[in-house]
Amino acid sequence: MRIVLFLSSALMLSACAQSESPDIDPLVSGNRLPQRSAINHMSQQIVNELVRQNDELRSNQPLLVATPVLLDDLKSTNAVGLQLQQGFISALHDNQFSLVDINVGDNIRVTPEGDFLLTRDWRQLPADIAVEHVLVSTMSLNNLGIVVNSRIVNVTNNRVVSASQGSFSIKELPGYLKHSEKVVSQEGLLYRDSSVGMQEVQVKGDTK
C-alpha cells in the first residue's frame, strides 16, 4: 500500500562537509570547525546511526527528508533545522539512498535575478509525491545545547524503521548556538538571571 503525501518544506540550501584534520575527530577533541562543517559532521553522525539501526528501508526505496522541527510545537524550525535537513540529504545520498526532493518546482523560473527551479511555494510544487518512508526529526533546546531525535518512519503504517538521538553543545555548534542572556523574554515577560547561560541556548539570528 502506498500513500500520497502533500508536503512543503524549506528551500534547499547547499552544504558541504569539511574537516580540519583527517586524523582527529573535532567534536571529540574539542577543536572547532567552521560552522557549516560542524553541523554537517553532526548530520553525518546521526545518519550513520540511522543506517546501523535500519531494519526495513532498502536503498532503492524512495526516501524523503522533512525539515527538523522544534519538539515543543512540532511546526516550527530554525537555522539549525534548515541546515540539518541539507546535511541529512548529503549524508544519506553518500550512503546510496534514493532521495526525493520536494522543493523542485514544476517549471524553471527565468528572472532578471537568475534562473530558479527550487521553491518554497507549494503552489509551484508537483501536485503529489508518492513516498512510503520519511526521515523526521525533532530538536529540543536546553541550557547546554541541543538534542536531536531523528527517525525514519514508514508512513503507510507509522512504523519506525530506524531511530537516532544525539546531543550537541554550544562548543560543537559555535556558528549557530549561543548562551542565553542575563535578561530573557518569555511569553511577553522579562526575567533576569544571576548570570548568562541559565536558560536554554539561543539560536543565532532567531528573533523569538
Protein backbone atom coordinates (compact mmCIF):
# COMPACT_ATOMS: atom_id res chain seq x y z
CA MET A 1 0.00 0.00 0.00
CA ARG A 2 1.26 3.47 -0.84
CA ILE A 3 0.00 6.86 0.21
CA VAL A 4 0.39 10.25 -1.37
CA LEU A 5 1.95 12.98 0.73
CA PHE A 6 1.26 16.66 0.17
CA LEU A 7 4.21 18.38 1.74
CA SER A 8 6.11 21.65 1.73
CA SER A 9 9.50 22.36 3.27
CA ALA A 10 12.28 24.92 3.37
CA LEU A 11 14.28 25.80 0.26
CA MET A 12 17.26 23.53 -0.18
CA LEU A 13 20.48 25.15 0.98
CA SER A 14 23.78 23.85 -0.32
CA ALA A 15 26.25 22.45 2.20
CA CYS A 16 29.47 20.52 2.08
CA ALA A 17 31.28 18.86 4.95
CA GLN A 18 34.89 19.77 5.63
CA SER A 19 37.35 18.61 8.25
CA GLU A 20 40.32 20.37 9.81
CA SER A 21 42.30 17.16 10.18
CA PRO A 22 41.67 13.66 8.78
CA ASP A 23 43.15 12.09 11.91
CA ILE A 24 41.24 13.98 14.62
CA ASP A 25 37.54 13.92 15.36
CA PRO A 26 36.92 17.65 16.01
CA LEU A 27 33.75 17.05 18.02
CA VAL A 28 35.61 14.66 20.34
CA SER A 29 38.87 16.58 20.58
CA GLY A 30 37.16 19.92 21.20
CA ASN A 31 38.73 21.59 18.18
CA ARG A 32 36.28 23.91 16.47
CA LEU A 33 35.17 23.53 12.89
CA PRO A 34 33.72 26.22 10.64
CA GLN A 35 30.00 26.40 11.44
CA ARG A 36 28.71 24.54 8.39
CA SER A 37 31.38 21.86 8.64
CA ALA A 38 30.42 21.25 12.28
CA ILE A 39 26.72 20.90 11.57
CA ASN A 40 27.36 18.59 8.63
CA HIS A 41 29.64 16.47 10.80
CA MET A 42 26.69 16.30 13.20
CA SER A 43 24.38 15.28 10.34
CA GLN A 44 26.76 12.51 9.31
CA GLN A 45 26.89 11.14 12.86
CA ILE A 46 23.09 10.94 13.01
CA VAL A 47 22.79 9.33 9.58
CA ASN A 48 25.46 6.76 10.46
CA GLU A 49 23.35 5.67 13.42
CA LEU A 50 20.18 5.61 11.31
CA VAL A 51 21.92 3.33 8.83
CA ARG A 52 23.04 0.99 11.62
CA GLN A 53 19.56 0.85 13.18
CA ASN A 54 17.63 0.47 9.90
CA ASP A 55 15.62 -2.75 9.78
CA GLU A 56 13.38 -2.23 6.73
CA LEU A 57 14.24 0.52 4.27
CA ARG A 58 16.17 -0.60 1.19
CA SER A 59 18.48 1.80 -0.56
CA ASN A 60 16.38 1.72 -3.76
CA GLN A 61 13.16 2.76 -1.98
CA PRO A 62 12.31 6.49 -2.20
CA LEU A 63 13.08 8.44 0.98
CA LEU A 64 12.01 12.00 1.75
CA VAL A 65 13.84 14.18 4.30
CA ALA A 66 11.50 16.52 6.20
CA THR A 67 12.72 19.69 7.89
CA PRO A 68 13.59 19.09 11.58
CA VAL A 69 11.10 20.84 13.88
CA LEU A 70 11.11 22.07 17.48
CA LEU A 71 9.83 19.43 19.89
CA ASP A 72 7.56 21.77 21.84
CA ASP A 73 5.29 22.63 18.89
CA LEU A 74 6.24 20.27 16.01
CA LYS A 75 5.56 23.01 13.45
CA SER A 76 8.44 25.49 13.57
CA THR A 77 12.14 25.26 12.84
CA ASN A 78 15.27 27.43 12.96
CA ALA A 79 18.63 27.84 11.24
CA VAL A 80 19.92 24.62 12.81
CA GLY A 81 16.96 22.64 11.49
CA LEU A 82 17.25 24.06 7.98
CA GLN A 83 20.94 23.24 7.73
CA LEU A 84 20.47 19.82 9.34
CA GLN A 85 17.98 18.91 6.61
CA GLN A 86 20.58 19.63 3.94
CA GLY A 87 23.24 17.72 5.86
CA PHE A 88 20.93 14.70 6.13
CA ILE A 89 20.31 14.75 2.38
CA SER A 90 24.04 14.81 1.63
CA ALA A 91 24.87 12.09 4.16
CA LEU A 92 22.04 9.79 3.05
CA HIS A 93 23.00 10.22 -0.61
CA ASP A 94 26.57 9.33 0.35
CA ASN A 95 25.11 6.08 1.73
CA GLN A 96 23.44 5.36 -1.63
CA PHE A 97 19.83 6.01 -0.54
CA SER A 98 17.24 7.01 -3.14
CA LEU A 99 16.15 10.52 -2.12
CA VAL A 100 13.12 12.55 -3.19
CA ASP A 101 13.46 16.35 -3.31
CA ILE A 102 10.09 18.02 -2.82
CA ASN A 103 11.49 21.52 -3.33
CA VAL A 104 11.84 21.03 -7.08
CA GLY A 105 9.15 23.07 -8.85
CA ASP A 106 7.15 22.05 -11.89
CA ASN A 107 8.82 24.67 -14.08
CA ILE A 108 12.06 26.63 -14.11
CA ARG A 109 11.55 30.34 -13.45
CA VAL A 110 13.72 32.63 -15.59
CA THR A 111 14.05 36.05 -13.95
CA PRO A 112 16.45 39.01 -14.13
CA GLU A 113 17.91 37.82 -10.79
CA GLY A 114 18.60 34.29 -12.07
CA ASP A 115 17.08 31.01 -13.22
CA PHE A 116 15.36 29.11 -10.41
CA LEU A 117 13.92 25.63 -10.09
CA LEU A 118 13.79 25.20 -6.30
CA THR A 119 10.88 26.81 -4.49
CA ARG A 120 9.14 27.16 -1.13
CA ASP A 121 5.81 28.00 -2.74
CA TRP A 122 3.61 24.89 -2.51
CA ARG A 123 1.58 26.14 -5.47
CA GLN A 124 4.62 25.67 -7.71
CA LEU A 125 5.37 22.14 -6.49
CA PRO A 126 4.16 18.92 -8.13
CA ALA A 127 0.55 18.07 -7.30
CA ASP A 128 1.51 14.91 -5.43
CA ILE A 129 4.59 12.98 -4.40
CA ALA A 130 4.26 9.27 -3.64
CA VAL A 131 6.64 8.05 -0.93
CA GLU A 132 6.48 5.44 1.79
CA HIS A 133 9.39 6.47 4.01
CA VAL A 134 10.17 9.86 5.54
CA LEU A 135 13.02 10.98 7.79
CA VAL A 136 11.55 13.20 10.51
CA SER A 137 13.47 14.92 13.32
CA THR A 138 12.76 16.96 16.44
CA MET A 139 15.03 19.43 18.21
CA SER A 140 14.96 20.30 21.89
CA LEU A 141 17.00 23.18 23.34
CA ASN A 142 18.41 23.24 26.87
CA ASN A 143 20.94 25.43 28.66
CA LEU A 144 23.85 23.33 27.41
CA GLY A 145 22.95 22.85 23.76
CA ILE A 146 20.52 20.96 21.58
CA VAL A 147 19.14 17.41 21.50
CA VAL A 148 18.18 16.00 18.10
CA ASN A 149 15.95 12.93 17.76
CA SER A 150 15.61 11.52 14.25
CA ARG A 151 13.66 8.57 12.90
CA ILE A 152 12.73 7.06 9.57
CA VAL A 153 9.01 6.31 9.51
CA ASN A 154 7.01 4.11 7.13
CA VAL A 155 4.05 6.44 6.57
CA THR A 156 1.77 3.64 5.35
CA ASN A 157 1.61 2.21 8.88
CA ASN A 158 3.59 4.76 11.00
CA ARG A 159 6.17 2.13 11.85
CA VAL A 160 9.56 3.45 12.94
CA VAL A 161 12.20 1.56 10.95
CA SER A 162 15.23 3.39 12.34
CA ALA A 163 15.96 5.91 15.11
CA SER A 164 18.81 8.05 16.37
CA GLN A 165 19.43 10.51 19.19
CA GLY A 166 22.26 12.99 19.51
CA SER A 167 23.09 15.88 21.82
CA PHE A 168 25.35 18.73 20.75
CA SER A 169 26.78 21.58 22.80
CA ILE A 170 27.36 25.24 22.04
CA LYS A 171 31.07 24.46 21.70
CA GLU A 172 30.28 21.99 18.93
CA LEU A 173 28.00 24.44 17.07
CA PRO A 174 29.53 27.87 17.75
CA GLY A 175 28.24 29.31 14.49
CA TYR A 176 24.62 28.52 15.33
CA LEU A 177 24.16 28.46 19.12
CA LYS A 178 24.93 30.92 21.91
CA HIS A 179 24.30 31.16 25.66
CA SER A 180 21.13 32.85 26.84
CA GLU A 181 21.40 36.46 28.03
CA LYS A 182 21.01 37.51 31.67
CA VAL A 183 17.69 39.13 30.75
CA VAL A 184 15.36 36.93 28.68
CA SER A 185 11.83 37.37 27.41
CA GLN A 186 9.28 34.60 27.92
CA GLU A 187 5.63 34.96 26.91
CA GLY A 188 5.88 38.75 26.95
CA LEU A 189 7.56 38.96 30.37
CA LEU A 190 11.20 39.79 31.15
CA TYR A 191 13.20 37.59 33.50
CA ARG A 192 16.62 38.44 34.95
CA ASP A 193 19.02 35.60 35.82
CA SER A 194 22.10 35.80 38.00
CA SER A 195 24.37 35.06 35.04
CA VAL A 196 24.31 34.26 31.34
CA GLY A 197 23.51 30.73 30.23
CA MET A 198 20.88 29.98 32.86
CA GLN A 199 18.09 29.47 30.30
CA GLU A 200 18.00 27.35 27.15
CA VAL A 201 20.55 28.23 24.50
CA GLN A 202 19.60 30.66 21.75
CA VAL A 203 19.90 30.10 18.03
CA LYS A 204 21.85 32.93 16.42
CA GLY A 205 19.58 35.12 14.31
CA ASP A 206 16.43 33.75 15.96
CA THR A 207 14.15 36.62 16.98
CA LYS A 208 11.94 34.53 19.29
